[in-house]
Amino acid sequence: MFVTVIHRISNPDQFESAAKSATEVIPSHLKLHQYLTATDRKTATCLWEARLADDVKEFLEPVVGHVSHNEYIPLNTEASFGLPATSAASGRV
């Protein structure tokens, strides 16, 4: 499944530092496809692939939850377009 995470960031410097460190230890059952940030750095959107949205949440909240409010949105892949090919992280090839 694909999951979009919308981050409303209170401290962009701390958020970006924590997020960068986290990219080095992403568990094998998760895949980060995209990280997109606004010009003011107070909002970011990420596209993840995981078995469940809660898997992404369990990984991210301890890392960035203290400097951002995060909304986890499972995507409707049948109604979406432009998504990357799925990988083993979602249980599909």
PDB file of N, CA and C in Angstrom:
ATOM      1  N   MET A   1       0.838  -1.167   0.000  1.00  0.00           N
ATOM      2  CA  MET A   1       0.000   0.000   0.000  1.00  0.00           C
ATOM      3  C   MET A   1       0.884   1.231   0.000  1.00  0.00           C
ATOM      4  N   PHE A   2       0.353   2.292  -0.584  1.00  0.00           N
ATOM      5  CA  PHE A   2       1.041   3.581  -0.553  1.00  0.00           C
ATOM      6  C   PHE A   2       0.398   4.454   0.509  1.00  0.00           C
ATOM      7  N   VAL A   3       1.238   5.227   1.201  1.00  0.00           N
ATOM      8  CA  VAL A   3       0.789   6.103   2.274  1.00  0.00           C
ATOM      9  C   VAL A   3       1.420   7.474   2.053  1.00  0.00           C
ATOM     10  N   THR A   4       0.586   8.493   2.026  1.00  0.00           N
ATOM     11  CA  THR A   4       1.089   9.861   2.007  1.00  0.00           C
ATOM     12  C   THR A   4       1.105  10.371   3.434  1.00  0.00           C
ATOM     13  N   VAL A   5       2.189  11.046   3.784  1.00  0.00           N
ATOM     14  CA  VAL A   5       2.274  11.667   5.102  1.00  0.00           C
ATOM     15  C   VAL A   5       2.432  13.168   4.884  1.00  0.00           C
ATOM     16  N   ILE A   6       1.531  13.924   5.501  1.00  0.00           N
ATOM     17  CA  ILE A   6       1.624  15.381   5.463  1.00  0.00           C
ATOM     18  C   ILE A   6       2.177  15.829   6.815  1.00  0.00           C
ATOM     19  N   HIS A   7       3.304  16.518   6.766  1.00  0.00           N
ATOM     20  CA  HIS A   7       3.966  17.006   7.975  1.00  0.00           C
ATOM     21  C   HIS A   7       3.724  18.508   8.095  1.00  0.00           C
ATOM     22  N   ARG A   8       3.164  18.958   9.203  1.00  0.00           N
ATOM     23  CA  ARG A   8       3.039  20.384   9.541  1.00  0.00           C
ATOM     24  C   ARG A   8       4.141  20.655  10.564  1.00  0.00           C
ATOM     25  N   ILE A   9       5.166  21.355  10.148  1.00  0.00           N
ATOM     26  CA  ILE A   9       6.437  21.416  10.864  1.00  0.00           C
ATOM     27  C   ILE A   9       6.554  22.683  11.710  1.00  0.00           C
ATOM     28  N   SER A  10       6.896  22.503  12.983  1.00  0.00           N
ATOM     29  CA  SER A  10       7.074  23.643  13.878  1.00  0.00           C
ATOM     30  C   SER A  10       8.524  24.123  13.932  1.00  0.00           C
ATOM     31  N   ASN A  11       9.466  23.235  13.676  1.00  0.00           N
ATOM     32  CA  ASN A  11      10.884  23.603  13.691  1.00  0.00           C
ATOM     33  C   ASN A  11      11.558  22.947  12.484  1.00  0.00           C
ATOM     34  N   PRO A  12      11.649  23.654  11.355  1.00  0.00           N
ATOM     35  CA  PRO A  12      12.190  23.055  10.136  1.00  0.00           C
ATOM     36  C   PRO A  12      13.617  22.517  10.266  1.00  0.00           C
ATOM     37  N   ASP A  13      14.485  23.214  10.988  1.00  0.00           N
ATOM     38  CA  ASP A  13      15.862  22.732  11.122  1.00  0.00           C
ATOM     39  C   ASP A  13      15.922  21.396  11.859  1.00  0.00           C
ATOM     40  N   GLN A  14      15.215  21.300  12.977  1.00  0.00           N
ATOM     41  CA  GLN A  14      15.193  20.041  13.728  1.00  0.00           C
ATOM     42  C   GLN A  14      14.509  18.932  12.932  1.00  0.00           C
ATOM     43  N   PHE A  15      13.412  19.270  12.260  1.00  0.00           N
ATOM     44  CA  PHE A  15      12.696  18.274  11.462  1.00  0.00           C
ATOM     45  C   PHE A  15      13.604  17.707  10.378  1.00  0.00           C
ATOM     46  N   GLU A  16      14.244  18.582   9.618  1.00  0.00           N
ATOM     47  CA  GLU A  16      15.085  18.119   8.504  1.00  0.00           C
ATOM     48  C   GLU A  16      16.279  17.314   8.992  1.00  0.00           C
ATOM     49  N   SER A  17      16.856  17.700  10.111  1.00  0.00           N
ATOM     50  CA  SER A  17      17.968  16.942  10.673  1.00  0.00           C
ATOM     51  C   SER A  17      17.517  15.543  11.100  1.00  0.00           C
ATOM     52  N   ALA A  18      16.394  15.478  11.806  1.00  0.00           N
ATOM     53  CA  ALA A  18      15.863  14.186  12.260  1.00  0.00           C
ATOM     54  C   ALA A  18      15.454  13.317  11.078  1.00  0.00           C
ATOM     55  N   ALA A  19      14.802  13.923  10.086  1.00  0.00           N
ATOM     56  CA  ALA A  19      14.358  13.159   8.914  1.00  0.00           C
ATOM     57  C   ALA A  19      15.546  12.605   8.136  1.00  0.00           C
ATOM     58  N   LYS A  20      16.584  13.408   7.982  1.00  0.00           N
ATOM     59  CA  LYS A  20      17.768  12.943   7.258  1.00  0.00           C
ATOM     60  C   LYS A  20      18.414  11.761   7.978  1.00  0.00           C
ATOM     61  N   SER A  21      18.537  11.842   9.283  1.00  0.00           N
ATOM     62  CA  SER A  21      19.097  10.730  10.061  1.00  0.00           C
ATOM     63  C   SER A  21      18.241   9.475   9.925  1.00  0.00           C
ATOM     64  N   ALA A  22      16.932   9.674   9.912  1.00  0.00           N
ATOM     65  CA  ALA A  22      16.014   8.531   9.818  1.00  0.00           C
ATOM     66  C   ALA A  22      16.126   7.812   8.488  1.00  0.00           C
ATOM     67  N   THR A  23      16.456   8.535   7.420  1.00  0.00           N
ATOM     68  CA  THR A  23      16.560   7.878   6.113  1.00  0.00           C
ATOM     69  C   THR A  23      17.685   6.841   6.077  1.00  0.00           C
ATOM     70  N   GLU A  24      18.613   6.947   7.007  1.00  0.00           N
ATOM     71  CA  GLU A  24      19.724   5.992   7.059  1.00  0.00           C
ATOM     72  C   GLU A  24      19.357   4.699   7.773  1.00  0.00           C
ATOM     73  N   VAL A  25      18.207   4.675   8.444  1.00  0.00           N
ATOM     74  CA  VAL A  25      17.812   3.489   9.223  1.00  0.00           C
ATOM     75  C   VAL A  25      16.368   3.059   8.942  1.00  0.00           C
ATOM     76  N   ILE A  26      15.887   3.318   7.739  1.00  0.00           N
ATOM     77  CA  ILE A  26      14.519   2.910   7.388  1.00  0.00           C
ATOM     78  C   ILE A  26      14.443   1.384   7.421  1.00  0.00           C
ATOM     79  N   PRO A  27      13.489   0.830   8.147  1.00  0.00           N
ATOM     80  CA  PRO A  27      13.343  -0.630   8.198  1.00  0.00           C
ATOM     81  C   PRO A  27      13.035  -1.208   6.816  1.00  0.00           C
ATOM     82  N   SER A  28      13.397  -2.445   6.617  1.00  0.00           N
ATOM     83  CA  SER A  28      13.240  -3.084   5.307  1.00  0.00           C
ATOM     84  C   SER A  28      11.779  -3.229   4.884  1.00  0.00           C
ATOM     85  N   HIS A  29      10.828  -3.192   5.813  1.00  0.00           N
ATOM     86  CA  HIS A  29       9.416  -3.330   5.449  1.00  0.00           C
ATOM     87  C   HIS A  29       8.789  -1.997   5.040  1.00  0.00           C
ATOM     88  N   LEU A  30       9.588  -0.917   5.015  1.00  0.00           N
ATOM     89  CA  LEU A  30       9.125   0.398   4.572  1.00  0.00           C
ATOM     90  C   LEU A  30       9.990   0.882   3.422  1.00  0.00           C
ATOM     91  N   LYS A  31       9.373   1.674   2.548  1.00  0.00           N
ATOM     92  CA  LYS A  31      10.137   2.293   1.470  1.00  0.00           C
ATOM     93  C   LYS A  31       9.664   3.732   1.300  1.00  0.00           C
ATOM     94  N   LEU A  32      10.615   4.653   1.375  1.00  0.00           N
ATOM     95  CA  LEU A  32      10.329   6.053   1.135  1.00  0.00           C
ATOM     96  C   LEU A  32      10.572   6.331  -0.343  1.00  0.00           C
ATOM     97  N   HIS A  33       9.525   6.757  -1.048  1.00  0.00           N
ATOM     98  CA  HIS A  33       9.648   7.047  -2.478  1.00  0.00           C
ATOM     99  C   HIS A  33       9.941   8.519  -2.735  1.00  0.00           C
ATOM    100  N   GLN A  34       9.299   9.402  -1.962  1.00  0.00           N
ATOM    101  CA  GLN A  34       9.463  10.836  -2.205  1.00  0.00           C
ATOM    102  C   GLN A  34       9.412  11.623  -0.905  1.00  0.00           C
ATOM    103  N   TYR A  35      10.194  12.705  -0.880  1.00  0.00           N
ATOM    104  CA  TYR A  35      10.130  13.698   0.188  1.00  0.00           C
ATOM    105  C   TYR A  35      10.043  15.046  -0.510  1.00  0.00           C
ATOM    106  N   LEU A  36       8.948  15.750  -0.303  1.00  0.00           N
ATOM    107  CA  LEU A  36       8.706  17.033  -0.957  1.00  0.00           C
ATOM    108  C   LEU A  36       8.472  18.078   0.119  1.00  0.00           C
ATOM    109  N   THR A  37       9.198  19.189   0.043  1.00  0.00           N
ATOM    110  CA  THR A  37       9.049  20.216   1.069  1.00  0.00           C
ATOM    111  C   THR A  37       8.655  21.552   0.450  1.00  0.00           C
ATOM    112  N   ALA A  38       7.866  22.306   1.185  1.00  0.00           N
ATOM    113  CA  ALA A  38       7.428  23.632   0.731  1.00  0.00           C
ATOM    114  C   ALA A  38       8.592  24.617   0.815  1.00  0.00           C
ATOM    115  N   THR A  39       8.478  25.702   0.091  1.00  0.00           N
ATOM    116  CA  THR A  39       9.550  26.696   0.086  1.00  0.00           C
ATOM    117  C   THR A  39       9.796  27.293   1.466  1.00  0.00           C
ATOM    118  N   ASP A  40       8.769  27.378   2.303  1.00  0.00           N
ATOM    119  CA  ASP A  40       8.963  27.919   3.654  1.00  0.00           C
ATOM    120  C   ASP A  40       9.406  26.845   4.657  1.00  0.00           C
ATOM    121  N   ARG A  41       9.465  25.581   4.193  1.00  0.00           N
ATOM    122  CA  ARG A  41       9.935  24.441   4.988  1.00  0.00           C
ATOM    123  C   ARG A  41       9.025  24.115   6.171  1.00  0.00           C
ATOM    124  N   LYS A  42       7.819  24.649   6.204  1.00  0.00           N
ATOM    125  CA  LYS A  42       6.895  24.383   7.311  1.00  0.00           C
ATOM    126  C   LYS A  42       5.883  23.292   6.988  1.00  0.00           C
ATOM    127  N   THR A  43       5.886  22.832   5.752  1.00  0.00           N
ATOM    128  CA  THR A  43       5.035  21.721   5.336  1.00  0.00           C
ATOM    129  C   THR A  43       5.869  20.815   4.439  1.00  0.00           C
ATOM    130  N   ALA A  44       5.729  19.530   4.651  1.00  0.00           N
ATOM    131  CA  ALA A  44       6.388  18.553   3.782  1.00  0.00           C
ATOM    132  C   ALA A  44       5.405  17.411   3.537  1.00  0.00           C
ATOM    133  N   THR A  45       5.566  16.773   2.405  1.00  0.00           N
ATOM    134  CA  THR A  45       4.750  15.617   2.052  1.00  0.00           C
ATOM    135  C   THR A  45       5.683  14.489   1.640  1.00  0.00           C
ATOM    136  N   CYS A  46       5.397  13.312   2.136  1.00  0.00           N
ATOM    137  CA  CYS A  46       6.206  12.140   1.795  1.00  0.00           C
ATOM    138  C   CYS A  46       5.305  11.053   1.220  1.00  0.00           C
ATOM    139  N   LEU A  47       5.869  10.276   0.324  1.00  0.00           N
ATOM    140  CA  LEU A  47       5.170   9.115  -0.224  1.00  0.00           C
ATOM    141  C   LEU A  47       5.923   7.873   0.223  1.00  0.00           C
ATOM    142  N   TRP A  48       5.246   7.057   0.989  1.00  0.00           N
ATOM    143  CA  TRP A  48       5.806   5.820   1.532  1.00  0.00           C
ATOM    144  C   TRP A  48       5.095   4.619   0.941  1.00  0.00           C
ATOM    145  N   GLU A  49       5.767   3.506   0.996  1.00  0.00           N
ATOM    146  CA  GLU A  49       5.168   2.211   0.668  1.00  0.00           C
ATOM    147  C   GLU A  49       5.363   1.315   1.884  1.00  0.00           C
ATOM    148  N   ALA A  50       4.281   0.671   2.314  1.00  0.00           N
ATOM    149  CA  ALA A  50       4.316  -0.155   3.514  1.00  0.00           C
ATOM    150  C   ALA A  50       3.164  -1.142   3.492  1.00  0.00           C
ATOM    151  N   ARG A  51       3.194  -2.084   4.410  1.00  0.00           N
ATOM    152  CA  ARG A  51       2.068  -3.006   4.546  1.00  0.00           C
ATOM    153  C   ARG A  51       0.847  -2.283   5.098  1.00  0.00           C
ATOM    154  N   LEU A  52       1.082  -1.398   6.083  1.00  0.00           N
ATOM    155  CA  LEU A  52       0.013  -0.654   6.750  1.00  0.00           C
ATOM    156  C   LEU A  52       0.463   0.779   6.992  1.00  0.00           C
ATOM    157  N   ALA A  53      -0.486   1.705   7.027  1.00  0.00           N
ATOM    158  CA  ALA A  53      -0.164   3.096   7.370  1.00  0.00           C
ATOM    159  C   ALA A  53       0.419   3.184   8.776  1.00  0.00           C
ATOM    160  N   ASP A  54      -0.056   2.340   9.675  1.00  0.00           N
ATOM    161  CA  ASP A  54       0.460   2.352  11.044  1.00  0.00           C
ATOM    162  C   ASP A  54       1.938   1.978  11.115  1.00  0.00           C
ATOM    163  N   ASP A  55       2.432   1.189  10.160  1.00  0.00           N
ATOM    164  CA  ASP A  55       3.866   0.864  10.126  1.00  0.00           C
ATOM    165  C   ASP A  55       4.693   2.126   9.908  1.00  0.00           C
ATOM    166  N   VAL A  56       4.224   2.996   9.020  1.00  0.00           N
ATOM    167  CA  VAL A  56       4.919   4.265   8.757  1.00  0.00           C
ATOM    168  C   VAL A  56       4.837   5.144  10.001  1.00  0.00           C
ATOM    169  N   LYS A  57       3.660   5.222  10.586  1.00  0.00           N
ATOM    170  CA  LYS A  57       3.457   6.043  11.782  1.00  0.00           C
ATOM    171  C   LYS A  57       4.354   5.585  12.927  1.00  0.00           C
ATOM    172  N   GLU A  58       4.442   4.296  13.149  1.00  0.00           N
ATOM    173  CA  GLU A  58       5.271   3.760  14.243  1.00  0.00           C
ATOM    174  C   GLU A  58       6.744   4.095  14.044  1.00  0.00           C
ATOM    175  N   PHE A  59       7.173   4.185  12.791  1.00  0.00           N
ATOM    176  CA  PHE A  59       8.558   4.552  12.511  1.00  0.00           C
ATOM    177  C   PHE A  59       8.789   6.057  12.660  1.00  0.00           C
ATOM    178  N   LEU A  60       7.874   6.869  12.131  1.00  0.00           N
ATOM    179  CA  LEU A  60       8.105   8.313  12.060  1.00  0.00           C
ATOM    180  C   LEU A  60       7.821   9.089  13.337  1.00  0.00           C
ATOM    181  N   GLU A  61       6.798   8.726  14.073  1.00  0.00           N
ATOM    182  CA  GLU A  61       6.416   9.539  15.236  1.00  0.00           C
ATOM    183  C   GLU A  61       7.550   9.727  16.244  1.00  0.00           C
ATOM    184  N   PRO A  62       8.291   8.681  16.603  1.00  0.00           N
ATOM    185  CA  PRO A  62       9.393   8.900  17.543  1.00  0.00           C
ATOM    186  C   PRO A  62      10.505   9.785  16.960  1.00  0.00           C
ATOM    187  N   VAL A  63      10.597   9.839  15.650  1.00  0.00           N
ATOM    188  CA  VAL A  63      11.672  10.581  14.988  1.00  0.00           C
ATOM    189  C   VAL A  63      11.325  12.056  14.812  1.00  0.00           C
ATOM    190  N   VAL A  64      10.127  12.346  14.298  1.00  0.00           N
ATOM    191  CA  VAL A  64       9.772  13.737  13.968  1.00  0.00           C
ATOM    192  C   VAL A  64       8.517  14.237  14.681  1.00  0.00           C
ATOM    193  N   GLY A  65       7.871  13.390  15.448  1.00  0.00           N
ATOM    194  CA  GLY A  65       6.625  13.777  16.096  1.00  0.00           C
ATOM    195  C   GLY A  65       6.754  14.936  17.068  1.00  0.00           C
ATOM    196  N   HIS A  66       7.934  15.168  17.592  1.00  0.00           N
ATOM    197  CA  HIS A  66       8.136  16.273  18.540  1.00  0.00           C
ATOM    198  C   HIS A  66       8.272  17.631  17.842  1.00  0.00           C
ATOM    199  N   VAL A  67       8.478  17.636  16.527  1.00  0.00           N
ATOM    200  CA  VAL A  67       8.630  18.899  15.783  1.00  0.00           C
ATOM    201  C   VAL A  67       7.655  19.020  14.618  1.00  0.00           C
ATOM    202  N   SER A  68       6.687  18.094  14.546  1.00  0.00           N
ATOM    203  CA  SER A  68       5.689  18.197  13.480  1.00  0.00           C
ATOM    204  C   SER A  68       4.420  17.450  13.866  1.00  0.00           C
ATOM    205  N   HIS A  69       3.314  17.950  13.332  1.00  0.00           N
ATOM    206  CA  HIS A  69       2.037  17.242  13.410  1.00  0.00           C
ATOM    207  C   HIS A  69       1.931  16.479  12.089  1.00  0.00           C
ATOM    208  N   ASN A  70       1.686  15.172  12.150  1.00  0.00           N
ATOM    209  CA  ASN A  70       1.752  14.320  10.968  1.00  0.00           C
ATOM    210  C   ASN A  70       0.414  13.651  10.699  1.00  0.00           C
ATOM    211  N   GLU A  71      -0.002  13.714   9.456  1.00  0.00           N
ATOM    212  CA  GLU A  71      -1.246  13.075   9.026  1.00  0.00           C
ATOM    213  C   GLU A  71      -0.891  11.944   8.067  1.00  0.00           C
ATOM    214  N   TYR A  72      -1.360  10.745   8.365  1.00  0.00           N
ATOM    215  CA  TYR A  72      -1.047   9.536   7.594  1.00  0.00           C
ATOM    216  C   TYR A  72      -2.266   9.154   6.765  1.00  0.00           C
ATOM    217  N   ILE A  73      -2.104   9.139   5.454  1.00  0.00           N
ATOM    218  CA  ILE A  73      -3.237   8.939   4.561  1.00  0.00           C
ATOM    219  C   ILE A  73      -2.973   7.743   3.634  1.00  0.00           C
ATOM    220  N   PRO A  74      -3.678   6.621   3.848  1.00  0.00           N
ATOM    221  CA  PRO A  74      -3.565   5.506   2.906  1.00  0.00           C
ATOM    222  C   PRO A  74      -4.171   5.920   1.570  1.00  0.00           C
ATOM    223  N   LEU A  75      -3.481   5.615   0.486  1.00  0.00           N
ATOM    224  CA  LEU A  75      -3.945   6.037  -0.831  1.00  0.00           C
ATOM    225  C   LEU A  75      -4.816   4.989  -1.507  1.00  0.00           C
ATOM    226  N   ASN A  76      -5.766   5.458  -2.271  1.00  0.00           N
ATOM    227  CA  ASN A  76      -6.594   4.619  -3.129  1.00  0.00           C
ATOM    228  C   ASN A  76      -5.827   4.466  -4.437  1.00  0.00           C
ATOM    229  N   THR A  77      -5.134   3.350  -4.595  1.00  0.00           N
ATOM    230  CA  THR A  77      -4.266   3.180  -5.766  1.00  0.00           C
ATOM    231  C   THR A  77      -5.058   3.051  -7.068  1.00  0.00           C
ATOM    232  N   GLU A  78      -6.302   2.573  -6.998  1.00  0.00           N
ATOM    233  CA  GLU A  78      -7.102   2.444  -8.218  1.00  0.00           C
ATOM    234  C   GLU A  78      -7.502   3.810  -8.773  1.00  0.00           C
ATOM    235  N   ALA A  79      -7.655   4.800  -7.914  1.00  0.00           N
ATOM    236  CA  ALA A  79      -8.075   6.131  -8.349  1.00  0.00           C
ATOM    237  C   ALA A  79      -6.899   7.101  -8.495  1.00  0.00           C
ATOM    238  N   SER A  80      -5.707   6.651  -8.146  1.00  0.00           N
ATOM    239  CA  SER A  80      -4.517   7.500  -8.224  1.00  0.00           C
ATOM    240  C   SER A  80      -3.750   7.196  -9.503  1.00  0.00           C
ATOM    241  N   PHE A  81      -2.914   8.144  -9.921  1.00  0.00           N
ATOM    242  CA  PHE A  81      -2.032   7.879 -11.056  1.00  0.00           C
ATOM    243  C   PHE A  81      -0.681   8.511 -10.791  1.00  0.00           C
ATOM    244  N   GLY A  82       0.343   8.012 -11.498  1.00  0.00           N
ATOM    245  CA  GLY A  82       1.697   8.511 -11.323  1.00  0.00           C
ATOM    246  C   GLY A  82       2.441   7.880 -10.163  1.00  0.00           C
ATOM    247  N   LEU A  83       1.864   6.857  -9.553  1.00  0.00           N
ATOM    248  CA  LEU A  83       2.537   6.186  -8.447  1.00  0.00           C
ATOM    249  C   LEU A  83       3.676   5.315  -8.974  1.00  0.00           C
ATOM    250  N   PRO A  84       4.722   5.131  -8.184  1.00  0.00           N
ATOM    251  CA  PRO A  84       5.805   4.230  -8.603  1.00  0.00           C
ATOM    252  C   PRO A  84       5.328   2.784  -8.601  1.00  0.00           C
ATOM    253  N   ALA A  85       6.084   1.938  -9.266  1.00  0.00           N
ATOM    254  CA  ALA A  85       5.785   0.503  -9.230  1.00  0.00           C
ATOM    255  C   ALA A  85       5.917   0.021  -7.794  1.00  0.00           C
ATOM    256  N   THR A  86       5.072  -0.903  -7.381  1.00  0.00           N
ATOM    257  CA  THR A  86       5.138  -1.417  -6.020  1.00  0.00           C
ATOM    258  C   THR A  86       6.345  -2.326  -5.870  1.00  0.00           C
ATOM    259  N   SER A  87       6.775  -2.470  -4.626  1.00  0.00           N
ATOM    260  CA  SER A  87       7.925  -3.325  -4.321  1.00  0.00           C
ATOM    261  C   SER A  87       7.521  -4.348  -3.283  1.00  0.00           C
ATOM    262  N   ALA A  88       8.481  -5.114  -2.844  1.00  0.00           N
ATOM    263  CA  ALA A  88       8.230  -6.135  -1.840  1.00  0.00           C
ATOM    264  C   ALA A  88       7.795  -5.538  -0.504  1.00  0.00           C
ATOM    265  N   ALA A  89       8.056  -4.246  -0.278  1.00  0.00           N
ATOM    266  CA  ALA A  89       7.669  -3.622   0.995  1.00  0.00           C
ATOM    267  C   ALA A  89       6.175  -3.677   1.217  1.00  0.00           C
ATOM    268  N   SER A  90       5.397  -3.686   0.149  1.00  0.00           N
ATOM    269  CA  SER A  90       3.937  -3.712   0.291  1.00  0.00           C
ATOM    270  C   SER A  90       3.381  -5.132   0.244  1.00  0.00           C
ATOM    271  N   GLY A  91       4.263  -6.104   0.074  1.00  0.00           N
ATOM    272  CA  GLY A  91       3.809  -7.472  -0.042  1.00  0.00           C
ATOM    273  C   GLY A  91       3.443  -7.836  -1.470  1.00  0.00           C
ATOM    274  N   ARG A  92       3.636  -6.915  -2.409  1.00  0.00           N
ATOM    275  CA  ARG A  92       3.373  -7.161  -3.825  1.00  0.00           C
ATOM    276  C   ARG A  92       4.633  -6.875  -4.621  1.00  0.00           C
ATOM    277  N   VAL A  93       4.732  -7.477  -5.750  1.00  0.00           N
ATOM    278  CA  VAL A  93       5.888  -7.222  -6.622  1.00  0.00           C
ATOM    279  C   VAL A  93       5.434  -6.517  -7.861  1.00  0.00           C
TER     280      VAL A  93
END
